[in-house]
PDB file of N, CA and C in Angstrom:
ATOM      1  N   MET A   1     -53.211 -40.473 -80.919  1.00  0.00           N
ATOM      2  CA  MET A   1     -53.740 -40.089 -79.619  1.00  0.00           C
ATOM      3  C   MET A   1     -53.254 -41.050 -78.529  1.00  0.00           C
ATOM      4  N   ARG A   2     -53.201 -42.320 -78.883  1.00  0.00           N
ATOM      5  CA  ARG A   2     -52.749 -43.314 -77.920  1.00  0.00           C
ATOM      6  C   ARG A   2     -51.290 -43.091 -77.547  1.00  0.00           C
ATOM      7  N   TYR A   3     -50.481 -42.715 -78.513  1.00  0.00           N
ATOM      8  CA  TYR A   3     -49.067 -42.450 -78.264  1.00  0.00           C
ATOM      9  C   TYR A   3     -48.901 -41.250 -77.331  1.00  0.00           C
ATOM     10  N   ILE A   4     -49.673 -40.216 -77.549  1.00  0.00           N
ATOM     11  CA  ILE A   4     -49.603 -39.025 -76.694  1.00  0.00           C
ATOM     12  C   ILE A   4     -50.012 -39.385 -75.267  1.00  0.00           C
ATOM     13  N   PHE A   5     -51.078 -40.172 -75.139  1.00  0.00           N
ATOM     14  CA  PHE A   5     -51.528 -40.583 -73.811  1.00  0.00           C
ATOM     15  C   PHE A   5     -50.442 -41.395 -73.111  1.00  0.00           C
ATOM     16  N   LYS A   6     -49.858 -42.342 -73.836  1.00  0.00           N
ATOM     17  CA  LYS A   6     -48.846 -43.201 -73.227  1.00  0.00           C
ATOM     18  C   LYS A   6     -47.569 -42.448 -72.929  1.00  0.00           C
ATOM     19  N   SER A   7     -47.125 -41.635 -73.844  1.00  0.00           N
ATOM     20  CA  SER A   7     -45.813 -41.013 -73.667  1.00  0.00           C
ATOM     21  C   SER A   7     -45.844 -39.802 -72.740  1.00  0.00           C
ATOM     22  N   TYR A   8     -46.932 -39.106 -72.651  1.00  0.00           N
ATOM     23  CA  TYR A   8     -46.964 -37.920 -71.806  1.00  0.00           C
ATOM     24  C   TYR A   8     -47.737 -38.128 -70.511  1.00  0.00           C
ATOM     25  N   PHE A   9     -48.948 -38.600 -70.615  1.00  0.00           N
ATOM     26  CA  PHE A   9     -49.805 -38.696 -69.435  1.00  0.00           C
ATOM     27  C   PHE A   9     -49.314 -39.764 -68.468  1.00  0.00           C
ATOM     28  N   LEU A  10     -49.105 -40.980 -68.964  1.00  0.00           N
ATOM     29  CA  LEU A  10     -48.660 -42.053 -68.069  1.00  0.00           C
ATOM     30  C   LEU A  10     -47.231 -41.836 -67.602  1.00  0.00           C
ATOM     31  N   ASN A  11     -46.383 -41.332 -68.462  1.00  0.00           N
ATOM     32  CA  ASN A  11     -45.007 -41.073 -68.058  1.00  0.00           C
ATOM     33  C   ASN A  11     -44.923 -39.968 -67.007  1.00  0.00           C
ATOM     34  N   PHE A  12     -45.878 -39.038 -67.027  1.00  0.00           N
ATOM     35  CA  PHE A  12     -45.897 -38.009 -65.991  1.00  0.00           C
ATOM     36  C   PHE A  12     -46.101 -38.628 -64.616  1.00  0.00           C
ATOM     37  N   PHE A  13     -47.046 -39.549 -64.501  1.00  0.00           N
ATOM     38  CA  PHE A  13     -47.310 -40.169 -63.207  1.00  0.00           C
ATOM     39  C   PHE A  13     -46.145 -41.054 -62.763  1.00  0.00           C
ATOM     40  N   ILE A  14     -45.512 -41.723 -63.725  1.00  0.00           N
ATOM     41  CA  ILE A  14     -44.331 -42.507 -63.379  1.00  0.00           C
ATOM     42  C   ILE A  14     -43.226 -41.589 -62.866  1.00  0.00           C
ATOM     43  N   TRP A  15     -43.017 -40.484 -63.559  1.00  0.00           N
ATOM     44  CA  TRP A  15     -41.989 -39.524 -63.135  1.00  0.00           C
ATOM     45  C   TRP A  15     -42.338 -38.914 -61.772  1.00  0.00           C
ATOM     46  N   TRP A  16     -43.602 -38.534 -61.593  1.00  0.00           N
ATOM     47  CA  TRP A  16     -44.025 -37.845 -60.368  1.00  0.00           C
ATOM     48  C   TRP A  16     -43.923 -38.759 -59.144  1.00  0.00           C
ATOM     49  N   TYR A  17     -44.403 -39.998 -59.261  1.00  0.00           N
ATOM     50  CA  TYR A  17     -44.478 -40.877 -58.096  1.00  0.00           C
ATOM     51  C   TYR A  17     -43.253 -41.759 -57.906  1.00  0.00           C
ATOM     52  N   LYS A  18     -42.469 -41.989 -58.937  1.00  0.00           N
ATOM     53  CA  LYS A  18     -41.316 -42.864 -58.773  1.00  0.00           C
ATOM     54  C   LYS A  18     -40.015 -42.085 -58.668  1.00  0.00           C
ATOM     55  N   ILE A  19     -39.794 -41.172 -59.569  1.00  0.00           N
ATOM     56  CA  ILE A  19     -38.504 -40.478 -59.615  1.00  0.00           C
ATOM     57  C   ILE A  19     -38.480 -39.291 -58.650  1.00  0.00           C
ATOM     58  N   LYS A  20     -39.410 -38.373 -58.801  1.00  0.00           N
ATOM     59  CA  LYS A  20     -39.393 -37.160 -57.965  1.00  0.00           C
ATOM     60  C   LYS A  20     -39.878 -37.426 -56.549  1.00  0.00           C
ATOM     61  N   ALA A  21     -40.711 -38.419 -56.349  1.00  0.00           N
ATOM     62  CA  ALA A  21     -41.187 -38.712 -55.000  1.00  0.00           C
ATOM     63  C   ALA A  21     -40.039 -39.148 -54.104  1.00  0.00           C
ATOM     64  N   SER A  22     -39.114 -39.919 -54.644  1.00  0.00           N
ATOM     65  CA  SER A  22     -37.965 -40.315 -53.825  1.00  0.00           C
ATOM     66  C   SER A  22     -37.104 -39.102 -53.475  1.00  0.00           C
ATOM     67  N   ASP A  23     -36.997 -38.147 -54.400  1.00  0.00           N
ATOM     68  CA  ASP A  23     -36.264 -36.917 -54.092  1.00  0.00           C
ATOM     69  C   ASP A  23     -36.952 -36.115 -52.992  1.00  0.00           C
ATOM     70  N   ILE A  24     -38.269 -36.005 -53.057  1.00  0.00           N
ATOM     71  CA  ILE A  24     -39.023 -35.240 -52.055  1.00  0.00           C
ATOM     72  C   ILE A  24     -38.950 -35.922 -50.686  1.00  0.00           C
ATOM     73  N   VAL A  25     -39.090 -37.231 -50.647  1.00  0.00           N
ATOM     74  CA  VAL A  25     -39.020 -37.950 -49.371  1.00  0.00           C
ATOM     75  C   VAL A  25     -37.613 -37.829 -48.781  1.00  0.00           C
ATOM     76  N   ASN A  26     -36.587 -37.945 -49.617  1.00  0.00           N
ATOM     77  CA  ASN A  26     -35.213 -37.780 -49.127  1.00  0.00           C
ATOM     78  C   ASN A  26     -34.960 -36.369 -48.629  1.00  0.00           C
ATOM     79  N   LEU A  27     -35.518 -35.366 -49.306  1.00  0.00           N
ATOM     80  CA  LEU A  27     -35.384 -33.985 -48.840  1.00  0.00           C
ATOM     81  C   LEU A  27     -36.041 -33.799 -47.479  1.00  0.00           C
ATOM     82  N   ALA A  28     -37.243 -34.338 -47.313  1.00  0.00           N
ATOM     83  CA  ALA A  28     -37.945 -34.228 -46.026  1.00  0.00           C
ATOM     84  C   ALA A  28     -37.161 -34.932 -44.923  1.00  0.00           C
ATOM     85  N   ARG A  29     -36.630 -36.108 -45.232  1.00  0.00           N
ATOM     86  CA  ARG A  29     -35.833 -36.845 -44.257  1.00  0.00           C
ATOM     87  C   ARG A  29     -34.570 -36.074 -43.881  1.00  0.00           C
ATOM     88  N   ARG A  30     -33.909 -35.483 -44.879  1.00  0.00           N
ATOM     89  CA  ARG A  30     -32.692 -34.717 -44.598  1.00  0.00           C
ATOM     90  C   ARG A  30     -32.985 -33.475 -43.774  1.00  0.00           C
ATOM     91  N   ILE A  31     -34.113 -32.821 -44.018  1.00  0.00           N
ATOM     92  CA  ILE A  31     -34.484 -31.646 -43.224  1.00  0.00           C
ATOM     93  C   ILE A  31     -34.679 -32.029 -41.758  1.00  0.00           C
ATOM     94  N   LEU A  32     -35.392 -33.124 -41.515  1.00  0.00           N
ATOM     95  CA  LEU A  32     -35.649 -33.548 -40.137  1.00  0.00           C
ATOM     96  C   LEU A  32     -34.371 -34.019 -39.445  1.00  0.00           C
ATOM     97  N   ILE A  33     -33.515 -34.730 -40.154  1.00  0.00           N
ATOM     98  CA  ILE A  33     -32.248 -35.171 -39.559  1.00  0.00           C
ATOM     99  C   ILE A  33     -31.339 -33.982 -39.292  1.00  0.00           C
ATOM    100  N   TYR A  34     -31.296 -33.030 -40.224  1.00  0.00           N
ATOM    101  CA  TYR A  34     -30.466 -31.838 -40.028  1.00  0.00           C
ATOM    102  C   TYR A  34     -30.932 -31.061 -38.803  1.00  0.00           C
ATOM    103  N   ALA A  35     -32.236 -30.898 -38.642  1.00  0.00           N
ATOM    104  CA  ALA A  35     -32.756 -30.177 -37.476  1.00  0.00           C
ATOM    105  C   ALA A  35     -32.415 -30.922 -36.187  1.00  0.00           C
ATOM    106  N   PHE A  36     -32.508 -32.247 -36.214  1.00  0.00           N
ATOM    107  CA  PHE A  36     -32.184 -33.042 -35.026  1.00  0.00           C
ATOM    108  C   PHE A  36     -30.715 -32.874 -34.650  1.00  0.00           C
ATOM    109  N   ILE A  37     -29.843 -32.896 -35.654  1.00  0.00           N
ATOM    110  CA  ILE A  37     -28.409 -32.746 -35.390  1.00  0.00           C
ATOM    111  C   ILE A  37     -28.081 -31.306 -35.005  1.00  0.00           C
ATOM    112  N   TYR A  38     -28.665 -30.329 -35.704  1.00  0.00           N
ATOM    113  CA  TYR A  38     -28.367 -28.923 -35.458  1.00  0.00           C
ATOM    114  C   TYR A  38     -28.800 -28.498 -34.056  1.00  0.00           C
ATOM    115  N   LEU A  39     -29.888 -29.056 -33.568  1.00  0.00           N
ATOM    116  CA  LEU A  39     -30.393 -28.682 -32.241  1.00  0.00           C
ATOM    117  C   LEU A  39     -29.691 -29.419 -31.110  1.00  0.00           C
ATOM    118  N   ASN A  40     -28.790 -30.331 -31.426  1.00  0.00           N
ATOM    119  CA  ASN A  40     -28.031 -31.093 -30.423  1.00  0.00           C
ATOM    120  C   ASN A  40     -28.945 -31.784 -29.419  1.00  0.00           C
ATOM    121  N   ILE A  41     -29.995 -32.383 -29.895  1.00  0.00           N
ATOM    122  CA  ILE A  41     -30.953 -33.030 -29.004  1.00  0.00           C
ATOM    123  C   ILE A  41     -30.340 -34.264 -28.351  1.00  0.00           C
ATOM    124  N   TRP A  42     -29.741 -35.134 -29.147  1.00  0.00           N
ATOM    125  CA  TRP A  42     -29.188 -36.367 -28.601  1.00  0.00           C
ATOM    126  C   TRP A  42     -28.057 -36.117 -27.602  1.00  0.00           C
ATOM    127  N   PRO A  43     -27.066 -35.255 -27.908  1.00  0.00           N
ATOM    128  CA  PRO A  43     -26.022 -35.036 -26.894  1.00  0.00           C
ATOM    129  C   PRO A  43     -26.552 -34.423 -25.604  1.00  0.00           C
ATOM    130  N   MET A  44     -27.517 -33.528 -25.705  1.00  0.00           N
ATOM    131  CA  MET A  44     -28.049 -32.906 -24.491  1.00  0.00           C
ATOM    132  C   MET A  44     -28.799 -33.919 -23.622  1.00  0.00           C
ATOM    133  N   LEU A  45     -29.576 -34.779 -24.236  1.00  0.00           N
ATOM    134  CA  LEU A  45     -30.338 -35.744 -23.442  1.00  0.00           C
ATOM    135  C   LEU A  45     -29.489 -36.923 -22.983  1.00  0.00           C
ATOM    136  N   SER A  46     -28.465 -37.288 -23.746  1.00  0.00           N
ATOM    137  CA  SER A  46     -27.634 -38.419 -23.325  1.00  0.00           C
ATOM    138  C   SER A  46     -26.634 -38.032 -22.243  1.00  0.00           C
ATOM    139  N   HIS A  47     -26.283 -36.756 -22.156  1.00  0.00           N
ATOM    140  CA  HIS A  47     -25.348 -36.280 -21.124  1.00  0.00           C
ATOM    141  C   HIS A  47     -26.076 -35.418 -20.092  1.00  0.00           C
ATOM    142  N   LEU A  48     -27.268 -35.838 -19.752  1.00  0.00           N
ATOM    143  CA  LEU A  48     -28.124 -35.044 -18.873  1.00  0.00           C
ATOM    144  C   LEU A  48     -27.507 -34.856 -17.485  1.00  0.00           C
ATOM    145  N   PHE A  49     -26.853 -35.854 -16.957  1.00  0.00           N
ATOM    146  CA  PHE A  49     -26.318 -35.780 -15.592  1.00  0.00           C
ATOM    147  C   PHE A  49     -24.814 -35.538 -15.552  1.00  0.00           C
ATOM    148  N   VAL A  50     -24.215 -35.242 -16.693  1.00  0.00           N
ATOM    149  CA  VAL A  50     -22.782 -34.939 -16.745  1.00  0.00           C
ATOM    150  C   VAL A  50     -22.611 -33.439 -16.516  1.00  0.00           C
ATOM    151  N   PRO A  51     -21.679 -33.032 -15.656  1.00  0.00           N
ATOM    152  CA  PRO A  51     -21.510 -31.599 -15.414  1.00  0.00           C
ATOM    153  C   PRO A  51     -21.009 -30.865 -16.659  1.00  0.00           C
ATOM    154  N   MET A  52     -21.458 -29.631 -16.815  1.00  0.00           N
ATOM    155  CA  MET A  52     -21.032 -28.829 -17.960  1.00  0.00           C
ATOM    156  C   MET A  52     -19.646 -28.254 -17.711  1.00  0.00           C
ATOM    157  N   PHE A  53     -18.878 -28.153 -18.776  1.00  0.00           N
ATOM    158  CA  PHE A  53     -17.546 -27.544 -18.764  1.00  0.00           C
ATOM    159  C   PHE A  53     -16.635 -28.172 -17.703  1.00  0.00           C
ATOM    160  N   GLN A  54     -16.865 -29.464 -17.426  1.00  0.00           N
ATOM    161  CA  GLN A  54     -16.065 -30.229 -16.468  1.00  0.00           C
ATOM    162  C   GLN A  54     -16.052 -29.619 -15.067  1.00  0.00           C
ATOM    163  N   ASP A  55     -17.076 -28.869 -14.724  1.00  0.00           N
ATOM    164  CA  ASP A  55     -17.216 -28.315 -13.379  1.00  0.00           C
ATOM    165  C   ASP A  55     -17.877 -29.380 -12.513  1.00  0.00           C
ATOM    166  N   ARG A  56     -17.082 -30.118 -11.752  1.00  0.00           N
ATOM    167  CA  ARG A  56     -17.575 -31.271 -11.009  1.00  0.00           C
ATOM    168  C   ARG A  56     -18.131 -30.906  -9.627  1.00  0.00           C
ATOM    169  N   SER A  57     -18.237 -29.635  -9.352  1.00  0.00           N
ATOM    170  CA  SER A  57     -18.811 -29.250  -8.065  1.00  0.00           C
ATOM    171  C   SER A  57     -20.324 -29.467  -8.102  1.00  0.00           C
ATOM    172  N   ILE A  58     -20.941 -29.367  -6.936  1.00  0.00           N
ATOM    173  CA  ILE A  58     -22.392 -29.557  -6.854  1.00  0.00           C
ATOM    174  C   ILE A  58     -23.126 -28.461  -7.629  1.00  0.00           C
ATOM    175  N   THR A  59     -22.551 -27.266  -7.662  1.00  0.00           N
ATOM    176  CA  THR A  59     -23.167 -26.170  -8.408  1.00  0.00           C
ATOM    177  C   THR A  59     -23.123 -26.454  -9.910  1.00  0.00           C
ATOM    178  N   GLY A  60     -22.007 -26.977 -10.401  1.00  0.00           N
ATOM    179  CA  GLY A  60     -21.900 -27.318 -11.816  1.00  0.00           C
ATOM    180  C   GLY A  60     -22.888 -28.390 -12.224  1.00  0.00           C
ATOM    181  N   ARG A  61     -23.102 -29.347 -11.335  1.00  0.00           N
ATOM    182  CA  ARG A  61     -24.068 -30.404 -11.643  1.00  0.00           C
ATOM    183  C   ARG A  61     -25.499 -29.881 -11.580  1.00  0.00           C
ATOM    184  N   LEU A  62     -25.779 -29.002 -10.608  1.00  0.00           N
ATOM    185  CA  LEU A  62     -27.144 -28.463 -10.481  1.00  0.00           C
ATOM    186  C   LEU A  62     -27.489 -27.504 -11.614  1.00  0.00           C
ATOM    187  N   VAL A  63     -26.490 -26.819 -12.143  1.00  0.00           N
ATOM    188  CA  VAL A  63     -26.740 -25.888 -13.245  1.00  0.00           C
ATOM    189  C   VAL A  63     -26.870 -26.647 -14.563  1.00  0.00           C
ATOM    190  N   ALA A  64     -26.084 -27.702 -14.737  1.00  0.00           N
ATOM    191  CA  ALA A  64     -26.065 -28.438 -16.007  1.00  0.00           C
ATOM    192  C   ALA A  64     -27.371 -29.179 -16.265  1.00  0.00           C
ATOM    193  N   PHE A  65     -27.959 -29.760 -15.228  1.00  0.00           N
ATOM    194  CA  PHE A  65     -29.163 -30.560 -15.420  1.00  0.00           C
ATOM    195  C   PHE A  65     -30.321 -29.762 -16.014  1.00  0.00           C
ATOM    196  N   PRO A  66     -30.729 -28.620 -15.426  1.00  0.00           N
ATOM    197  CA  PRO A  66     -31.876 -27.914 -16.026  1.00  0.00           C
ATOM    198  C   PRO A  66     -31.567 -27.334 -17.405  1.00  0.00           C
ATOM    199  N   ILE A  67     -30.318 -26.890 -17.617  1.00  0.00           N
ATOM    200  CA  ILE A  67     -29.980 -26.338 -18.934  1.00  0.00           C
ATOM    201  C   ILE A  67     -30.118 -27.412 -20.003  1.00  0.00           C
ATOM    202  N   ARG A  68     -29.540 -28.574 -19.750  1.00  0.00           N
ATOM    203  CA  ARG A  68     -29.611 -29.655 -20.736  1.00  0.00           C
ATOM    204  C   ARG A  68     -31.032 -30.209 -20.871  1.00  0.00           C
ATOM    205  N   LEU A  69     -31.755 -30.251 -19.797  1.00  0.00           N
ATOM    206  CA  LEU A  69     -33.131 -30.740 -19.865  1.00  0.00           C
ATOM    207  C   LEU A  69     -33.998 -29.796 -20.705  1.00  0.00           C
ATOM    208  N   ILE A  70     -33.899 -28.501 -20.446  1.00  0.00           N
ATOM    209  CA  ILE A  70     -34.679 -27.529 -21.209  1.00  0.00           C
ATOM    210  C   ILE A  70     -34.253 -27.536 -22.671  1.00  0.00           C
ATOM    211  N   TRP A  71     -32.953 -27.614 -22.921  1.00  0.00           N
ATOM    212  CA  TRP A  71     -32.447 -27.636 -24.293  1.00  0.00           C
ATOM    213  C   TRP A  71     -32.948 -28.892 -25.024  1.00  0.00           C
ATOM    214  N   GLY A  72     -32.886 -30.031 -24.385  1.00  0.00           N
ATOM    215  CA  GLY A  72     -33.317 -31.277 -25.016  1.00  0.00           C
ATOM    216  C   GLY A  72     -34.815 -31.318 -25.267  1.00  0.00           C
ATOM    217  N   VAL A  73     -35.597 -30.934 -24.267  1.00  0.00           N
ATOM    218  CA  VAL A  73     -37.054 -30.943 -24.421  1.00  0.00           C
ATOM    219  C   VAL A  73     -37.487 -29.872 -25.420  1.00  0.00           C
ATOM    220  N   GLY A  74     -36.852 -28.704 -25.359  1.00  0.00           N
ATOM    221  CA  GLY A  74     -37.160 -27.650 -26.336  1.00  0.00           C
ATOM    222  C   GLY A  74     -36.799 -28.072 -27.748  1.00  0.00           C
ATOM    223  N   GLY A  75     -35.672 -28.751 -27.900  1.00  0.00           N
ATOM    224  CA  GLY A  75     -35.280 -29.248 -29.218  1.00  0.00           C
ATOM    225  C   GLY A  75     -36.249 -30.289 -29.745  1.00  0.00           C
ATOM    226  N   LEU A  76     -36.709 -31.170 -28.858  1.00  0.00           N
ATOM    227  CA  LEU A  76     -37.712 -32.150 -29.272  1.00  0.00           C
ATOM    228  C   LEU A  76     -39.015 -31.477 -29.676  1.00  0.00           C
ATOM    229  N   PHE A  77     -39.388 -30.424 -28.960  1.00  0.00           N
ATOM    230  CA  PHE A  77     -40.596 -29.674 -29.309  1.00  0.00           C
ATOM    231  C   PHE A  77     -40.449 -29.026 -30.684  1.00  0.00           C
ATOM    232  N   VAL A  78     -39.296 -28.409 -30.936  1.00  0.00           N
ATOM    233  CA  VAL A  78     -39.051 -27.788 -32.247  1.00  0.00           C
ATOM    234  C   VAL A  78     -39.071 -28.860 -33.339  1.00  0.00           C
ATOM    235  N   GLU A  79     -38.510 -30.016 -33.062  1.00  0.00           N
ATOM    236  CA  GLU A  79     -38.497 -31.109 -34.042  1.00  0.00           C
ATOM    237  C   GLU A  79     -39.911 -31.577 -34.345  1.00  0.00           C
ATOM    238  N   ILE A  80     -40.752 -31.681 -33.331  1.00  0.00           N
ATOM    239  CA  ILE A  80     -42.141 -32.086 -33.559  1.00  0.00           C
ATOM    240  C   ILE A  80     -42.894 -31.018 -34.332  1.00  0.00           C
ATOM    241  N   VAL A  81     -42.666 -29.747 -34.001  1.00  0.00           N
ATOM    242  CA  VAL A  81     -43.316 -28.654 -34.728  1.00  0.00           C
ATOM    243  C   VAL A  81     -42.853 -28.635 -36.186  1.00  0.00           C
ATOM    244  N   LEU A  82     -41.596 -28.938 -36.441  1.00  0.00           N
ATOM    245  CA  LEU A  82     -41.077 -28.996 -37.804  1.00  0.00           C
ATOM    246  C   LEU A  82     -41.583 -30.235 -38.547  1.00  0.00           C
ATOM    247  N   PHE A  83     -41.834 -31.313 -37.825  1.00  0.00           N
ATOM    248  CA  PHE A  83     -42.301 -32.552 -38.436  1.00  0.00           C
ATOM    249  C   PHE A  83     -43.676 -32.380 -39.082  1.00  0.00           C
ATOM    250  N   VAL A  84     -44.536 -31.577 -38.479  1.00  0.00           N
ATOM    251  CA  VAL A  84     -45.905 -31.418 -38.978  1.00  0.00           C
ATOM    252  C   VAL A  84     -45.926 -30.781 -40.373  1.00  0.00           C
ATOM    253  N   PRO A  85     -45.299 -29.614 -40.610  1.00  0.00           N
ATOM    254  CA  PRO A  85     -45.376 -29.058 -41.963  1.00  0.00           C
ATOM    255  C   PRO A  85     -44.627 -29.887 -43.006  1.00  0.00           C
ATOM    256  N   VAL A  86     -43.558 -30.543 -42.603  1.00  0.00           N
ATOM    257  CA  VAL A  86     -42.832 -31.389 -43.558  1.00  0.00           C
ATOM    258  C   VAL A  86     -43.718 -32.562 -43.979  1.00  0.00           C
ATOM    259  N   THR A  87     -44.408 -33.170 -43.038  1.00  0.00           N
ATOM    260  CA  THR A  87     -45.302 -34.279 -43.353  1.00  0.00           C
ATOM    261  C   THR A  87     -46.482 -33.821 -44.197  1.00  0.00           C
ATOM    262  N   VAL A  88     -47.036 -32.653 -43.888  1.00  0.00           N
ATOM    263  CA  VAL A  88     -48.143 -32.115 -44.682  1.00  0.00           C
ATOM    264  C   VAL A  88     -47.673 -31.828 -46.110  1.00  0.00           C
ATOM    265  N   PHE A  89     -46.474 -31.290 -46.264  1.00  0.00           N
ATOM    266  CA  PHE A  89     -45.939 -31.017 -47.597  1.00  0.00           C
ATOM    267  C   PHE A  89     -45.771 -32.301 -48.402  1.00  0.00           C
ATOM    268  N   VAL A  90     -45.237 -33.346 -47.791  1.00  0.00           N
ATOM    269  CA  VAL A  90     -45.051 -34.620 -48.503  1.00  0.00           C
ATOM    270  C   VAL A  90     -46.413 -35.217 -48.871  1.00  0.00           C
ATOM    271  N   ALA A  91     -47.368 -35.163 -47.971  1.00  0.00           N
ATOM    272  CA  ALA A  91     -48.707 -35.681 -48.271  1.00  0.00           C
ATOM    273  C   ALA A  91     -49.366 -34.871 -49.390  1.00  0.00           C
ATOM    274  N   PHE A  92     -49.203 -33.556 -49.367  1.00  0.00           N
ATOM    275  CA  PHE A  92     -49.743 -32.695 -50.425  1.00  0.00           C
ATOM    276  C   PHE A  92     -49.084 -33.020 -51.758  1.00  0.00           C
ATOM    277  N   TYR A  93     -47.783 -33.282 -51.737  1.00  0.00           N
ATOM    278  CA  TYR A  93     -47.066 -33.625 -52.964  1.00  0.00           C
ATOM    279  C   TYR A  93     -47.634 -34.900 -53.586  1.00  0.00           C
ATOM    280  N   PHE A  94     -47.901 -35.910 -52.754  1.00  0.00           N
ATOM    281  CA  PHE A  94     -48.438 -37.157 -53.286  1.00  0.00           C
ATOM    282  C   PHE A  94     -49.890 -37.018 -53.751  1.00  0.00           C
ATOM    283  N   ALA A  95     -50.655 -36.138 -53.132  1.00  0.00           N
ATOM    284  CA  ALA A  95     -52.078 -36.006 -53.452  1.00  0.00           C
ATOM    285  C   ALA A  95     -52.356 -35.031 -54.578  1.00  0.00           C
ATOM    286  N   LEU A  96     -51.440 -34.156 -54.913  1.00  0.00           N
ATOM    287  CA  LEU A  96     -51.703 -33.105 -55.893  1.00  0.00           C
ATOM    288  C   LEU A  96     -52.120 -33.635 -57.265  1.00  0.00           C
ATOM    289  N   PRO A  97     -51.419 -34.586 -57.878  1.00  0.00           N
ATOM    290  CA  PRO A  97     -51.881 -35.064 -59.186  1.00  0.00           C
ATOM    291  C   PRO A  97     -53.248 -35.734 -59.134  1.00  0.00           C
ATOM    292  N   ILE A  98     -53.549 -36.401 -58.026  1.00  0.00           N
ATOM    293  CA  ILE A  98     -54.858 -37.045 -57.906  1.00  0.00           C
ATOM    294  C   ILE A  98     -55.951 -35.990 -57.811  1.00  0.00           C
ATOM    295  N   PHE A  99     -55.707 -34.921 -57.057  1.00  0.00           N
ATOM    296  CA  PHE A  99     -56.685 -33.823 -56.984  1.00  0.00           C
ATOM    297  C   PHE A  99     -56.908 -33.195 -58.352  1.00  0.00           C
ATOM    298  N   LEU A 100     -55.833 -32.978 -59.086  1.00  0.00           N
ATOM    299  CA  LEU A 100     -55.966 -32.391 -60.418  1.00  0.00           C
ATOM    300  C   LEU A 100     -56.695 -33.329 -61.368  1.00  0.00           C
ATOM    301  N   LEU A 101     -56.422 -34.606 -61.296  1.00  0.00           N
ATOM    302  CA  LEU A 101     -57.101 -35.586 -62.140  1.00  0.00           C
ATOM    303  C   LEU A 101     -58.590 -35.638 -61.825  1.00  0.00           C
ATOM    304  N   VAL A 102     -58.937 -35.631 -60.558  1.00  0.00           N
ATOM    305  CA  VAL A 102     -60.344 -35.617 -60.155  1.00  0.00           C
ATOM    306  C   VAL A 102     -61.032 -34.334 -60.617  1.00  0.00           C
ATOM    307  N   ALA A 103     -60.340 -33.193 -60.534  1.00  0.00           N
ATOM    308  CA  ALA A 103     -60.918 -31.933 -60.984  1.00  0.00           C
ATOM    309  C   ALA A 103     -61.156 -31.953 -62.496  1.00  0.00           C
ATOM    310  N   ILE A 104     -60.228 -32.517 -63.254  1.00  0.00           N
ATOM    311  CA  ILE A 104     -60.403 -32.594 -64.703  1.00  0.00           C
ATOM    312  C   ILE A 104     -61.566 -33.515 -65.045  1.00  0.00           C
ATOM    313  N   ILE A 105     -61.671 -34.648 -64.367  1.00  0.00           N
ATOM    314  CA  ILE A 105     -62.775 -35.575 -64.621  1.00  0.00           C
ATOM    315  C   ILE A 105     -64.109 -34.935 -64.262  1.00  0.00           C
ATOM    316  N   ASN A 106     -64.169 -34.224 -63.152  1.00  0.00           N
ATOM    317  CA  ASN A 106     -65.418 -33.529 -62.769  1.00  0.00           C
ATOM    318  C   ASN A 106     -65.754 -32.427 -63.755  1.00  0.00           C
ATOM    319  N   PHE A 107     -64.768 -31.777 -64.333  1.00  0.00           N
ATOM    320  CA  PHE A 107     -65.010 -30.730 -65.319  1.00  0.00           C
ATOM    321  C   PHE A 107     -65.570 -31.319 -66.610  1.00  0.00           C
ATOM    322  N   ILE A 108     -65.030 -32.475 -67.003  1.00  0.00           N
ATOM    323  CA  ILE A 108     -65.491 -33.120 -68.237  1.00  0.00           C
ATOM    324  C   ILE A 108     -66.888 -33.687 -68.061  1.00  0.00           C
ATOM    325  N   ILE A 109     -67.141 -34.271 -66.909  1.00  0.00           N
ATOM    326  CA  ILE A 109     -68.469 -34.881 -66.664  1.00  0.00           C
ATOM    327  C   ILE A 109     -69.413 -33.807 -66.276  1.00  0.00           C
TER     328      ILE A 109
END
């Protein structure tokens, strides 16, 4: 019985929190970085006052500013909205075995 407890039960928690947790955290990080890059947030906000398509007239500058501002702020909003479910998923992943363990203990007691 002791061997089964050590080899299966404890190894499950080691696998869940050490090996797979790093995979889940890296996946969440890659999703957020991919969304940040895909939405072009940094280029839009860093080139806020640069005219679009090299149109250096006053009209090109006046048109470029609101487009880039809306794109950058909208991208940041989408990134924040995406951050919430990704964070909830990672927190749920870490809490799931503890919830199951507590449920089993409450069932036995």
